[in-house]
C-alpha cells in the first residue's frame, strides 16, 4: 500500500498516545495484604482495558484508548514487582504499619485512620500512607503519647 493512502496521525493524537509514566515513589513500597490484592486487581483491569482498546479498528482511536491502560499497567507492574507485604501488627501496644489509630488534635477533632501503603491510601476511606506526616509522627507511639508540637499536637487515644 502506498503511503499516499494511509491516514496521517495528527499532532493532537500523537500527544494523547505518548503519556508520561506515573511517578514512582522513592520510599519503600510497603503494602498490606489487601493493598497487594488491590494492586493485582488494578493491573488486571488495566490489562483488560488495554485488550479492549486493541479491538478498536480505527488506528488513532486505538492508540488514544490504549494510552492510559498501558501507562497504568507499566506503573502497576513496577509497584507489584517492588511490593513488600507487611503483615498486620501482632500487637496494639504501639502504632505500626497496618495499625488503625484514633487520635485527637489540639482543635478538638478526633480522627481514626489505618496506616497503609502509598498506593492504598485514601483519607476519605479512613486510610493514610505511612509516609504521610501525621502517620510518621504517630509511628512507635502508645496510647496516651503526644506527637507533634504546638498547634500540631496529636494525642493517641486508641490503637487497633
C-alpha atoms as a PDB file:
ATOM      1  CA  UNK A   1       0.000   0.000   0.000  1.00  0.00           C
ATOM      2  CA  UNK A   2       1.278   3.423  -0.890  1.00  0.00           C
ATOM      3  CA  UNK A   3       1.955   5.931   1.851  1.00  0.00           C
ATOM      4  CA  UNK A   4      -0.397   8.264  -0.009  1.00  0.00           C
ATOM      5  CA  UNK A   5      -3.360   6.157   1.097  1.00  0.00           C
ATOM      6  CA  UNK A   6      -2.547   5.901   4.809  1.00  0.00           C
ATOM      7  CA  UNK A   7      -4.225   8.058   7.398  1.00  0.00           C
ATOM      8  CA  UNK A   8      -1.962  10.773   8.779  1.00  0.00           C
ATOM      9  CA  UNK A   9      -1.758  10.988  12.539  1.00  0.00           C
ATOM     10  CA  UNK A  10      -2.436  14.425  13.918  1.00  0.00           C
ATOM     11  CA  UNK A  11      -0.116  16.083  16.441  1.00  0.00           C
ATOM     12  CA  UNK A  12      -3.010  16.033  18.911  1.00  0.00           C
ATOM     13  CA  UNK A  13      -3.446  12.279  18.571  1.00  0.00           C
ATOM     14  CA  UNK A  14       0.279  11.732  18.961  1.00  0.00           C
ATOM     15  CA  UNK A  15       0.379  13.752  22.179  1.00  0.00           C
ATOM     16  CA  UNK A  16      -2.592  11.801  23.556  1.00  0.00           C
ATOM     17  CA  UNK A  17      -0.860   8.485  22.963  1.00  0.00           C
ATOM     18  CA  UNK A  18       2.506   9.420  24.474  1.00  0.00           C
ATOM     19  CA  UNK A  19       1.606   9.765  28.123  1.00  0.00           C
ATOM     20  CA  UNK A  20       4.420  10.251  30.631  1.00  0.00           C
ATOM     21  CA  UNK A  21       4.896   7.428  33.131  1.00  0.00           C
ATOM     22  CA  UNK A  22       3.238   7.770  36.503  1.00  0.00           C
ATOM     23  CA  UNK A  23       5.868   8.807  39.068  1.00  0.00           C
ATOM     24  CA  UNK A  24       7.255   6.029  41.275  1.00  0.00           C
ATOM     25  CA  UNK A  25       7.733   6.962  44.925  1.00  0.00           C
ATOM     26  CA  UNK A  26      11.291   6.903  46.279  1.00  0.00           C
ATOM     27  CA  UNK A  27      10.004   5.324  49.521  1.00  0.00           C
ATOM     28  CA  UNK A  28       9.962   1.571  50.151  1.00  0.00           C
ATOM     29  CA  UNK A  29       6.850   0.044  48.584  1.00  0.00           C
ATOM     30  CA  UNK A  30       5.257  -1.314  51.758  1.00  0.00           C
ATOM     31  CA  UNK A  31       1.779  -2.782  51.303  1.00  0.00           C
ATOM     32  CA  UNK A  32      -0.785  -4.633  53.372  1.00  0.00           C
ATOM     33  CA  UNK A  33      -2.119  -7.952  52.079  1.00  0.00           C
ATOM     34  CA  UNK A  34      -5.288  -6.112  50.973  1.00  0.00           C
ATOM     35  CA  UNK A  35      -3.119  -3.500  49.255  1.00  0.00           C
ATOM     36  CA  UNK A  36      -1.278  -6.191  47.310  1.00  0.00           C
ATOM     37  CA  UNK A  37      -4.578  -7.702  46.187  1.00  0.00           C
ATOM     38  CA  UNK A  38      -5.840  -4.256  45.154  1.00  0.00           C
ATOM     39  CA  UNK A  39      -2.709  -3.680  43.032  1.00  0.00           C
ATOM     40  CA  UNK A  40      -3.200  -7.079  41.374  1.00  0.00           C
ATOM     41  CA  UNK A  41      -6.856  -6.262  40.639  1.00  0.00           C
ATOM     42  CA  UNK A  42      -5.964  -2.834  39.222  1.00  0.00           C
ATOM     43  CA  UNK A  43      -3.323  -4.420  36.976  1.00  0.00           C
ATOM     44  CA  UNK A  44      -5.850  -6.968  35.688  1.00  0.00           C
ATOM     45  CA  UNK A  45      -8.304  -4.130  34.977  1.00  0.00           C
ATOM     46  CA  UNK A  46      -5.638  -2.103  33.152  1.00  0.00           C
ATOM     47  CA  UNK A  47      -4.706  -5.119  31.045  1.00  0.00           C
ATOM     48  CA  UNK A  48      -8.374  -5.782  30.241  1.00  0.00           C
ATOM     49  CA  UNK A  49      -8.873  -2.136  29.224  1.00  0.00           C
ATOM     50  CA  UNK A  50      -5.780  -2.330  27.018  1.00  0.00           C
ATOM     51  CA  UNK A  51      -7.008  -5.537  25.373  1.00  0.00           C
ATOM     52  CA  UNK A  52     -10.415  -3.950  24.745  1.00  0.00           C
ATOM     53  CA  UNK A  53      -8.707  -0.946  23.148  1.00  0.00           C
ATOM     54  CA  UNK A  54      -6.741  -3.241  20.853  1.00  0.00           C
ATOM     55  CA  UNK A  55     -10.025  -4.439  19.319  1.00  0.00           C
ATOM     56  CA  UNK A  56     -10.790  -0.925  18.024  1.00  0.00           C
ATOM     57  CA  UNK A  57     -10.318  -0.726  14.266  1.00  0.00           C
ATOM     58  CA  UNK A  58      -9.512   2.990  13.927  1.00  0.00           C
ATOM     59  CA  UNK A  59      -5.750   3.263  14.495  1.00  0.00           C
ATOM     60  CA  UNK A  60      -5.854   6.713  16.098  1.00  0.00           C
ATOM     61  CA  UNK A  61      -8.734   5.783  18.414  1.00  0.00           C
ATOM     62  CA  UNK A  62      -6.979   2.530  19.313  1.00  0.00           C
ATOM     63  CA  UNK A  63      -3.869   4.481  20.321  1.00  0.00           C
ATOM     64  CA  UNK A  64      -5.930   7.000  22.273  1.00  0.00           C
ATOM     65  CA  UNK A  65      -7.856   4.311  24.157  1.00  0.00           C
ATOM     66  CA  UNK A  66      -4.693   2.262  24.808  1.00  0.00           C
ATOM     67  CA  UNK A  67      -2.587   5.081  26.250  1.00  0.00           C
ATOM     68  CA  UNK A  68      -3.927   5.237  29.824  1.00  0.00           C
ATOM     69  CA  UNK A  69      -4.248   1.474  30.410  1.00  0.00           C
ATOM     70  CA  UNK A  70      -0.760   0.914  29.004  1.00  0.00           C
ATOM     71  CA  UNK A  71       0.731   3.595  31.246  1.00  0.00           C
ATOM     72  CA  UNK A  72      -1.161   2.228  34.268  1.00  0.00           C
ATOM     73  CA  UNK A  73      -0.048  -1.331  33.502  1.00  0.00           C
ATOM     74  CA  UNK A  74       3.605  -0.223  33.441  1.00  0.00           C
ATOM     75  CA  UNK A  75       3.180   1.559  36.778  1.00  0.00           C
ATOM     76  CA  UNK A  76       1.280  -1.280  38.453  1.00  0.00           C
ATOM     77  CA  UNK A  77       3.708  -3.917  37.182  1.00  0.00           C
ATOM     78  CA  UNK A  78       6.578  -1.996  38.779  1.00  0.00           C
ATOM     79  CA  UNK A  79       4.658  -1.477  42.034  1.00  0.00           C
ATOM     80  CA  UNK A  80       3.859  -5.191  42.225  1.00  0.00           C
ATOM     81  CA  UNK A  81       7.481  -6.079  41.454  1.00  0.00           C
ATOM     82  CA  UNK A  82       8.733  -3.934  44.346  1.00  0.00           C
ATOM     83  CA  UNK A  83       5.871  -4.596  46.792  1.00  0.00           C
ATOM     84  CA  UNK A  84       6.913  -5.612  50.290  1.00  0.00           C
ATOM     85  CA  UNK A  85       3.941  -7.163  52.087  1.00  0.00           C
ATOM     86  CA  UNK A  86       3.914  -6.191  55.749  1.00  0.00           C
ATOM     87  CA  UNK A  87       1.823  -8.472  57.958  1.00  0.00           C
ATOM     88  CA  UNK A  88      -0.767  -6.917  60.255  1.00  0.00           C
ATOM     89  CA  UNK A  89       0.793  -5.804  63.538  1.00  0.00           C
ATOM     90  CA  UNK A  90       0.839  -8.538  66.162  1.00  0.00           C
ATOM     91  CA  UNK A  91       0.443  -6.023  68.990  1.00  0.00           C
ATOM     92  CA  UNK A  92      -1.639  -2.941  69.688  1.00  0.00           C
ATOM     93  CA  UNK A  93       0.892  -1.558  72.169  1.00  0.00           C
ATOM     94  CA  UNK A  94       2.369   0.935  69.701  1.00  0.00           C
ATOM     95  CA  UNK A  95       1.347   2.407  66.350  1.00  0.00           C
ATOM     96  CA  UNK A  96       2.867   0.480  63.448  1.00  0.00           C
ATOM     97  CA  UNK A  97       2.310  -0.062  59.733  1.00  0.00           C
ATOM     98  CA  UNK A  98      -1.160  -1.586  59.401  1.00  0.00           C
ATOM     99  CA  UNK A  99      -2.419  -0.191  62.718  1.00  0.00           C
ATOM    100  CA  UNK A 100      -5.711   1.617  62.994  1.00  0.00           C
ATOM    101  CA  UNK A 101      -5.132   4.583  65.280  1.00  0.00           C
ATOM    102  CA  UNK A 102      -7.571   7.052  66.794  1.00  0.00           C
ATOM    103  CA  UNK A 103      -6.118  10.375  67.857  1.00  0.00           C
ATOM    104  CA  UNK A 104      -7.281  13.789  68.966  1.00  0.00           C
ATOM    105  CA  UNK A 105      -5.987  17.077  67.644  1.00  0.00           C
ATOM    106  CA  UNK A 106      -5.492  20.244  69.647  1.00  0.00           C
ATOM    107  CA  UNK A 107      -8.542  21.779  67.910  1.00  0.00           C
ATOM    108  CA  UNK A 108     -10.735  19.027  69.401  1.00  0.00           C
ATOM    109  CA  UNK A 109     -11.155  16.899  66.267  1.00  0.00           C
ATOM    110  CA  UNK A 110     -10.928  13.150  66.781  1.00  0.00           C
ATOM    111  CA  UNK A 111      -9.814  11.139  63.754  1.00  0.00           C
ATOM    112  CA  UNK A 112      -9.270   7.462  63.017  1.00  0.00           C
ATOM    113  CA  UNK A 113      -7.024   6.179  60.240  1.00  0.00           C
ATOM    114  CA  UNK A 114      -5.382   2.932  59.268  1.00  0.00           C
ATOM    115  CA  UNK A 115      -1.737   3.347  58.268  1.00  0.00           C
ATOM    116  CA  UNK A 116      -1.145   1.626  54.913  1.00  0.00           C
ATOM    117  CA  UNK A 117       0.997   1.737  51.765  1.00  0.00           C
ATOM    118  CA  UNK A 118       1.074   4.713  49.428  1.00  0.00           C
ATOM    119  CA  UNK A 119      -0.999   3.131  46.656  1.00  0.00           C
ATOM    120  CA  UNK A 120      -3.770   2.032  49.015  1.00  0.00           C
ATOM    121  CA  UNK A 121      -4.044   5.287  50.968  1.00  0.00           C
ATOM    122  CA  UNK A 122      -7.414   7.042  50.754  1.00  0.00           C
ATOM    123  CA  UNK A 123      -8.040   9.511  53.597  1.00  0.00           C
ATOM    124  CA  UNK A 124     -11.757   9.748  52.752  1.00  0.00           C
ATOM    125  CA  UNK A 125     -11.976   5.974  53.253  1.00  0.00           C
ATOM    126  CA  UNK A 126     -10.015   6.128  56.527  1.00  0.00           C
ATOM    127  CA  UNK A 127      -6.547   5.121  55.347  1.00  0.00           C
ATOM    128  CA  UNK A 128      -3.371   7.183  55.181  1.00  0.00           C
ATOM    129  CA  UNK A 129       0.060   6.439  53.783  1.00  0.00           C
ATOM    130  CA  UNK A 130       2.856   5.505  56.160  1.00  0.00           C
ATOM    131  CA  UNK A 131       4.877   8.374  54.665  1.00  0.00           C
ATOM    132  CA  UNK A 132       2.212  11.000  55.448  1.00  0.00           C
ATOM    133  CA  UNK A 133       3.459  13.462  58.071  1.00  0.00           C
ATOM    134  CA  UNK A 134       0.766  12.542  60.613  1.00  0.00           C
ATOM    135  CA  UNK A 135       1.460   8.817  60.158  1.00  0.00           C
ATOM    136  CA  UNK A 136       5.200   9.315  60.558  1.00  0.00           C
ATOM    137  CA  UNK A 137       4.656  11.276  63.766  1.00  0.00           C
ATOM    138  CA  UNK A 138       2.375   8.534  65.149  1.00  0.00           C
ATOM    139  CA  UNK A 139       4.606   5.546  64.367  1.00  0.00           C
ATOM    140  CA  UNK A 140       6.016   3.985  67.528  1.00  0.00           C
ATOM    141  CA  UNK A 141       3.688   5.926  69.831  1.00  0.00           C
ATOM    142  CA  UNK A 142       1.499   4.275  72.500  1.00  0.00           C
ATOM    143  CA  UNK A 143      -1.944   5.198  73.831  1.00  0.00           C
ATOM    144  CA  UNK A 144      -1.645   8.495  75.728  1.00  0.00           C
ATOM    145  CA  UNK A 145       1.506   9.597  73.890  1.00  0.00           C
ATOM    146  CA  UNK A 146       1.555  13.010  72.261  1.00  0.00           C
ATOM    147  CA  UNK A 147       3.140  13.552  68.871  1.00  0.00           C
ATOM    148  CA  UNK A 148       3.978  16.806  67.137  1.00  0.00           C
ATOM    149  CA  UNK A 149       4.412  20.183  68.755  1.00  0.00           C
ATOM    150  CA  UNK A 150       2.413  23.331  69.475  1.00  0.00           C
ATOM    151  CA  UNK A 151      -0.737  23.715  67.396  1.00  0.00           C
ATOM    152  CA  UNK A 152       0.089  20.485  65.581  1.00  0.00           C
ATOM    153  CA  UNK A 153      -0.010  18.209  68.657  1.00  0.00           C
ATOM    154  CA  UNK A 154      -1.984  14.998  68.451  1.00  0.00           C
ATOM    155  CA  UNK A 155      -2.666  12.507  71.224  1.00  0.00           C
ATOM    156  CA  UNK A 156      -3.050   8.802  70.618  1.00  0.00           C
ATOM    157  CA  UNK A 157      -6.422   7.671  72.017  1.00  0.00           C
ATOM    158  CA  UNK A 158      -6.529   4.057  70.835  1.00  0.00           C
ATOM    159  CA  UNK A 159      -4.665   1.582  68.629  1.00  0.00           C
ATOM    160  CA  UNK A 160      -6.348  -1.292  66.863  1.00  0.00           C
END
